[in-house]
Amino acid sequence: MHGGDEEGLFAEAMGKVKPLPAADKIVTNKPKPRKPAMHIVPKYANPASKPSAELSVQPTDDPWVFIADGVSRERLKRLAAGRPAVGRSFDLHGMTRDQALSELEQGFTQAIAEGVRVLSIIHGRGLHSQGRPVLKDAVYHWLRQGVYAHSILAVIPQPGSGGGACLMLLRRICKV
């Protein structure tokens, strides 16, 4: 068959097609597409080196997990198994929200300067909070949208912590 014959047959077959009457149409309520868990816009010392597209994050079903695009599930399994080992831990128990976030910012600054790849944050489960876990929510919000969000590749609950701590994998820092 030639290309022209196929087009003619298709046009002939489609010529008999008529739209359904409005009463016969089935209307479905499609769920709205899920938005990704977060979008991170990296900050660069040299604005000319900034890529044109922002970094995006893979959506997950778990609000306590976020993963930058390009990070494999296998990488998460290795992180959960302790590879690489935790380079620095932050214990935020007993701190107010503002104290904890200040401690995180100072600790991140130092950890990044030292090239630490894996951090552990002990934030507690919020058992003593009224309603939602205040410190845990504040920490995760800061990790997603704080000044160092662009440095984080993945965050997962720390195995064995019962949801009271998280592990995070930081980007490698290229020193020039």
C-alpha atoms as a PDB file:
ATOM      1  CA  MET A   1       0.000   0.000   0.000  1.00  0.00           C
ATOM      2  CA  HIS A   2       1.195   3.502  -0.742  1.00  0.00           C
ATOM      3  CA  GLY A   3       1.130   6.297   1.834  1.00  0.00           C
ATOM      4  CA  GLY A   4      -1.630   8.066  -0.108  1.00  0.00           C
ATOM      5  CA  ASP A   5      -3.864   4.953  -0.099  1.00  0.00           C
ATOM      6  CA  GLU A   6      -3.628   4.656   3.701  1.00  0.00           C
ATOM      7  CA  GLU A   7      -4.620   8.281   4.167  1.00  0.00           C
ATOM      8  CA  GLY A   8      -7.562   7.833   1.786  1.00  0.00           C
ATOM      9  CA  LEU A   9      -8.773   4.729   3.631  1.00  0.00           C
ATOM     10  CA  PHE A  10      -8.451   6.502   6.962  1.00  0.00           C
ATOM     11  CA  ALA A  11     -10.358   9.548   5.717  1.00  0.00           C
ATOM     12  CA  GLU A  12     -13.087   7.287   4.315  1.00  0.00           C
ATOM     13  CA  ALA A  13     -13.384   5.366   7.602  1.00  0.00           C
ATOM     14  CA  MET A  14     -13.444   8.540   9.687  1.00  0.00           C
ATOM     15  CA  GLY A  15     -16.019  10.183   7.396  1.00  0.00           C
ATOM     16  CA  LYS A  16     -18.734   7.996   8.910  1.00  0.00           C
ATOM     17  CA  VAL A  17     -17.867   8.988  12.503  1.00  0.00           C
ATOM     18  CA  LYS A  18     -20.332  11.327  14.225  1.00  0.00           C
ATOM     19  CA  PRO A  19     -19.981  12.956  17.656  1.00  0.00           C
ATOM     20  CA  LEU A  20     -22.018  11.449  20.483  1.00  0.00           C
ATOM     21  CA  PRO A  21     -25.055  13.415  21.615  1.00  0.00           C
ATOM     22  CA  ALA A  22     -24.398  15.255  24.897  1.00  0.00           C
ATOM     23  CA  ALA A  23     -26.868  12.983  26.736  1.00  0.00           C
ATOM     24  CA  ASP A  24     -24.839   9.864  25.812  1.00  0.00           C
ATOM     25  CA  LYS A  25     -21.453  11.225  26.940  1.00  0.00           C
ATOM     26  CA  ILE A  26     -19.910   9.864  30.102  1.00  0.00           C
ATOM     27  CA  VAL A  27     -18.297  12.534  32.227  1.00  0.00           C
ATOM     28  CA  THR A  28     -15.661  11.404  34.697  1.00  0.00           C
ATOM     29  CA  ASN A  29     -14.131  13.379  37.501  1.00  0.00           C
ATOM     30  CA  LYS A  30     -10.468  12.834  36.855  1.00  0.00           C
ATOM     31  CA  PRO A  31      -8.254  13.443  39.872  1.00  0.00           C
ATOM     32  CA  LYS A  32      -6.042  16.487  39.570  1.00  0.00           C
ATOM     33  CA  PRO A  33      -2.442  15.585  38.808  1.00  0.00           C
ATOM     34  CA  ARG A  34      -0.286  15.481  41.926  1.00  0.00           C
ATOM     35  CA  LYS A  35       2.196  18.252  42.353  1.00  0.00           C
ATOM     36  CA  PRO A  36       5.750  17.208  43.116  1.00  0.00           C
ATOM     37  CA  ALA A  37       6.659  17.248  46.797  1.00  0.00           C
ATOM     38  CA  MET A  38       8.828  20.317  46.262  1.00  0.00           C
ATOM     39  CA  HIS A  39      10.838  22.260  43.755  1.00  0.00           C
ATOM     40  CA  ILE A  40      14.271  23.484  44.685  1.00  0.00           C
ATOM     41  CA  VAL A  41      15.937  26.378  42.956  1.00  0.00           C
ATOM     42  CA  PRO A  42      19.694  26.110  43.447  1.00  0.00           C
ATOM     43  CA  LYS A  43      21.708  29.124  44.536  1.00  0.00           C
ATOM     44  CA  TYR A  44      25.005  29.688  42.806  1.00  0.00           C
ATOM     45  CA  ALA A  45      27.933  31.898  43.729  1.00  0.00           C
ATOM     46  CA  ASN A  46      28.334  32.808  40.068  1.00  0.00           C
ATOM     47  CA  PRO A  47      24.918  33.633  38.537  1.00  0.00           C
ATOM     48  CA  ALA A  48      26.337  33.052  35.040  1.00  0.00           C
ATOM     49  CA  SER A  49      26.843  29.366  35.910  1.00  0.00           C
ATOM     50  CA  LYS A  50      23.210  28.897  36.926  1.00  0.00           C
ATOM     51  CA  PRO A  51      21.405  26.350  34.720  1.00  0.00           C
ATOM     52  CA  SER A  52      18.273  27.561  32.966  1.00  0.00           C
ATOM     53  CA  ALA A  53      15.938  24.961  34.503  1.00  0.00           C
ATOM     54  CA  GLU A  54      15.218  24.657  38.201  1.00  0.00           C
ATOM     55  CA  LEU A  55      15.957  21.419  40.003  1.00  0.00           C
ATOM     56  CA  SER A  56      12.876  19.346  40.590  1.00  0.00           C
ATOM     57  CA  VAL A  57      12.135  16.640  43.091  1.00  0.00           C
ATOM     58  CA  GLN A  58      10.479  13.275  42.558  1.00  0.00           C
ATOM     59  CA  PRO A  59       7.050  13.088  44.222  1.00  0.00           C
ATOM     60  CA  THR A  60       6.681  10.458  46.940  1.00  0.00           C
ATOM     61  CA  ASP A  61       3.728   9.099  48.900  1.00  0.00           C
ATOM     62  CA  ASP A  62       5.563   9.676  52.177  1.00  0.00           C
ATOM     63  CA  PRO A  63       5.611  13.324  53.368  1.00  0.00           C
ATOM     64  CA  TRP A  64       8.792  12.564  55.325  1.00  0.00           C
ATOM     65  CA  VAL A  65      10.731  11.475  52.207  1.00  0.00           C
ATOM     66  CA  PHE A  66      11.978  13.644  49.417  1.00  0.00           C
ATOM     67  CA  ILE A  67      14.358  12.828  46.622  1.00  0.00           C
ATOM     68  CA  ALA A  68      15.974  15.103  44.036  1.00  0.00           C
ATOM     69  CA  ASP A  69      15.504  14.111  40.416  1.00  0.00           C
ATOM     70  CA  GLY A  70      18.200  11.717  39.309  1.00  0.00           C
ATOM     71  CA  VAL A  71      18.654  10.053  42.719  1.00  0.00           C
ATOM     72  CA  SER A  72      17.863   6.348  42.401  1.00  0.00           C
ATOM     73  CA  ARG A  73      15.861   4.242  44.818  1.00  0.00           C
ATOM     74  CA  GLU A  74      18.993   2.075  45.094  1.00  0.00           C
ATOM     75  CA  ARG A  75      20.862   5.120  46.402  1.00  0.00           C
ATOM     76  CA  LEU A  76      18.169   5.536  49.073  1.00  0.00           C
ATOM     77  CA  LYS A  77      18.558   1.895  50.113  1.00  0.00           C
ATOM     78  CA  ARG A  78      22.305   2.407  50.524  1.00  0.00           C
ATOM     79  CA  LEU A  79      21.677   5.567  52.564  1.00  0.00           C
ATOM     80  CA  ALA A  80      19.282   3.669  54.845  1.00  0.00           C
ATOM     81  CA  ALA A  81      21.894   0.912  55.220  1.00  0.00           C
ATOM     82  CA  GLY A  82      24.508   3.408  56.434  1.00  0.00           C
ATOM     83  CA  ARG A  83      26.480   3.862  53.218  1.00  0.00           C
ATOM     84  CA  PRO A  84      28.051   6.353  53.357  1.00  0.00           C
ATOM     85  CA  ALA A  85      28.250   6.653  57.129  1.00  0.00           C
ATOM     86  CA  VAL A  86      26.715   9.593  58.994  1.00  0.00           C
ATOM     87  CA  GLY A  87      29.253  12.396  59.079  1.00  0.00           C
ATOM     88  CA  ARG A  88      27.462  14.700  61.500  1.00  0.00           C
ATOM     89  CA  SER A  89      24.443  14.445  63.831  1.00  0.00           C
ATOM     90  CA  PHE A  90      22.217  17.143  65.248  1.00  0.00           C
ATOM     91  CA  ASP A  91      20.160  16.418  68.369  1.00  0.00           C
ATOM     92  CA  LEU A  92      17.437  19.045  68.585  1.00  0.00           C
ATOM     93  CA  HIS A  93      15.566  17.569  71.569  1.00  0.00           C
ATOM     94  CA  GLY A  94      14.504  20.181  74.113  1.00  0.00           C
ATOM     95  CA  MET A  95      15.057  23.125  71.772  1.00  0.00           C
ATOM     96  CA  THR A  96      12.457  25.622  70.713  1.00  0.00           C
ATOM     97  CA  ARG A  97      11.591  25.829  67.046  1.00  0.00           C
ATOM     98  CA  ASP A  98      13.759  28.944  66.551  1.00  0.00           C
ATOM     99  CA  GLN A  99      16.704  27.466  68.476  1.00  0.00           C
ATOM    100  CA  ALA A 100      16.536  24.265  66.430  1.00  0.00           C
ATOM    101  CA  LEU A 101      16.447  26.080  63.089  1.00  0.00           C
ATOM    102  CA  SER A 102      19.345  28.307  64.122  1.00  0.00           C
ATOM    103  CA  GLU A 103      21.327  25.212  65.162  1.00  0.00           C
ATOM    104  CA  LEU A 104      20.558  23.579  61.826  1.00  0.00           C
ATOM    105  CA  GLU A 105      21.691  26.588  59.817  1.00  0.00           C
ATOM    106  CA  GLN A 106      24.980  26.862  61.717  1.00  0.00           C
ATOM    107  CA  GLY A 107      25.562  23.106  61.540  1.00  0.00           C
ATOM    108  CA  PHE A 108      24.785  22.920  57.813  1.00  0.00           C
ATOM    109  CA  THR A 109      27.185  25.774  57.092  1.00  0.00           C
ATOM    110  CA  GLN A 110      29.985  23.907  58.846  1.00  0.00           C
ATOM    111  CA  ALA A 111      29.083  20.465  57.442  1.00  0.00           C
ATOM    112  CA  ILE A 112      28.977  21.738  53.874  1.00  0.00           C
ATOM    113  CA  ALA A 113      32.282  23.573  54.307  1.00  0.00           C
ATOM    114  CA  GLU A 114      33.839  20.318  55.544  1.00  0.00           C
ATOM    115  CA  GLY A 115      32.378  18.260  52.679  1.00  0.00           C
ATOM    116  CA  VAL A 116      30.171  16.072  54.904  1.00  0.00           C
ATOM    117  CA  ARG A 117      27.841  13.941  52.750  1.00  0.00           C
ATOM    118  CA  VAL A 118      25.382  12.399  55.251  1.00  0.00           C
ATOM    119  CA  LEU A 119      23.694  14.159  58.154  1.00  0.00           C
ATOM    120  CA  SER A 120      21.419  12.808  60.860  1.00  0.00           C
ATOM    121  CA  ILE A 121      18.871  15.081  62.515  1.00  0.00           C
ATOM    122  CA  ILE A 122      17.175  13.899  65.689  1.00  0.00           C
ATOM    123  CA  HIS A 123      14.006  15.982  65.905  1.00  0.00           C
ATOM    124  CA  GLY A 124      11.775  13.699  67.965  1.00  0.00           C
ATOM    125  CA  ARG A 125       8.372  12.362  67.044  1.00  0.00           C
ATOM    126  CA  GLY A 126       6.363  15.195  68.544  1.00  0.00           C
ATOM    127  CA  LEU A 127       4.873  13.112  71.356  1.00  0.00           C
ATOM    128  CA  HIS A 128       4.957  16.139  73.672  1.00  0.00           C
ATOM    129  CA  SER A 129       3.535  18.559  71.095  1.00  0.00           C
ATOM    130  CA  GLN A 130      -0.115  19.453  71.188  1.00  0.00           C
ATOM    131  CA  GLY A 131      -1.601  18.413  67.849  1.00  0.00           C
ATOM    132  CA  ARG A 132       1.056  18.130  65.149  1.00  0.00           C
ATOM    133  CA  PRO A 133       4.767  17.541  65.870  1.00  0.00           C
ATOM    134  CA  VAL A 134       6.012  21.159  65.919  1.00  0.00           C
ATOM    135  CA  LEU A 135       9.761  20.548  65.724  1.00  0.00           C
ATOM    136  CA  LYS A 136       9.548  17.735  63.170  1.00  0.00           C
ATOM    137  CA  ASP A 137       7.305  19.822  60.892  1.00  0.00           C
ATOM    138  CA  ALA A 138       9.586  22.872  61.245  1.00  0.00           C
ATOM    139  CA  VAL A 139      12.711  20.835  60.440  1.00  0.00           C
ATOM    140  CA  TYR A 140      11.188  19.267  57.322  1.00  0.00           C
ATOM    141  CA  HIS A 141       9.849  22.615  56.149  1.00  0.00           C
ATOM    142  CA  TRP A 142      13.326  24.136  56.600  1.00  0.00           C
ATOM    143  CA  LEU A 143      14.932  21.236  54.730  1.00  0.00           C
ATOM    144  CA  ARG A 144      12.525  21.697  51.821  1.00  0.00           C
ATOM    145  CA  GLN A 145      12.554  25.482  51.608  1.00  0.00           C
ATOM    146  CA  GLY A 146      15.437  26.796  53.709  1.00  0.00           C
ATOM    147  CA  VAL A 147      18.643  28.407  52.514  1.00  0.00           C
ATOM    148  CA  TYR A 148      20.343  25.005  52.088  1.00  0.00           C
ATOM    149  CA  ALA A 149      17.501  23.185  50.301  1.00  0.00           C
ATOM    150  CA  HIS A 150      19.528  23.293  47.073  1.00  0.00           C
ATOM    151  CA  SER A 151      22.284  21.267  48.789  1.00  0.00           C
ATOM    152  CA  ILE A 152      20.066  18.306  49.719  1.00  0.00           C
ATOM    153  CA  LEU A 153      19.737  15.290  47.418  1.00  0.00           C
ATOM    154  CA  ALA A 154      17.522  13.115  49.622  1.00  0.00           C
ATOM    155  CA  VAL A 155      15.878  12.951  53.037  1.00  0.00           C
ATOM    156  CA  ILE A 156      14.536   9.722  54.554  1.00  0.00           C
ATOM    157  CA  PRO A 157      13.416   8.676  58.040  1.00  0.00           C
ATOM    158  CA  GLN A 158      16.368   7.192  59.904  1.00  0.00           C
ATOM    159  CA  PRO A 159      15.878   3.423  60.241  1.00  0.00           C
ATOM    160  CA  GLY A 160      15.225   2.379  63.838  1.00  0.00           C
ATOM    161  CA  SER A 161      14.275   5.889  64.967  1.00  0.00           C
ATOM    162  CA  GLY A 162      10.517   5.341  64.979  1.00  0.00           C
ATOM    163  CA  GLY A 163      10.128   8.498  62.907  1.00  0.00           C
ATOM    164  CA  GLY A 164      12.052  10.664  65.392  1.00  0.00           C
ATOM    165  CA  ALA A 165      15.103  11.255  63.189  1.00  0.00           C
ATOM    166  CA  CYS A 166      15.995  11.621  59.547  1.00  0.00           C
ATOM    167  CA  LEU A 167      19.007  11.014  57.341  1.00  0.00           C
ATOM    168  CA  MET A 168      19.916  13.276  54.506  1.00  0.00           C
ATOM    169  CA  LEU A 169      22.307  12.993  51.624  1.00  0.00           C
ATOM    170  CA  LEU A 170      24.027  16.220  50.623  1.00  0.00           C
ATOM    171  CA  ARG A 171      25.365  17.127  47.199  1.00  0.00           C
ATOM    172  CA  ARG A 172      29.068  16.826  46.579  1.00  0.00           C
ATOM    173  CA  ILE A 173      30.736  20.178  46.687  1.00  0.00           C
ATOM    174  CA  CYS A 174      33.113  20.825  43.803  1.00  0.00           C
ATOM    175  CA  LYS A 175      36.030  22.890  45.080  1.00  0.00           C
ATOM    176  CA  VAL A 176      37.679  25.032  42.467  1.00  0.00           C
END
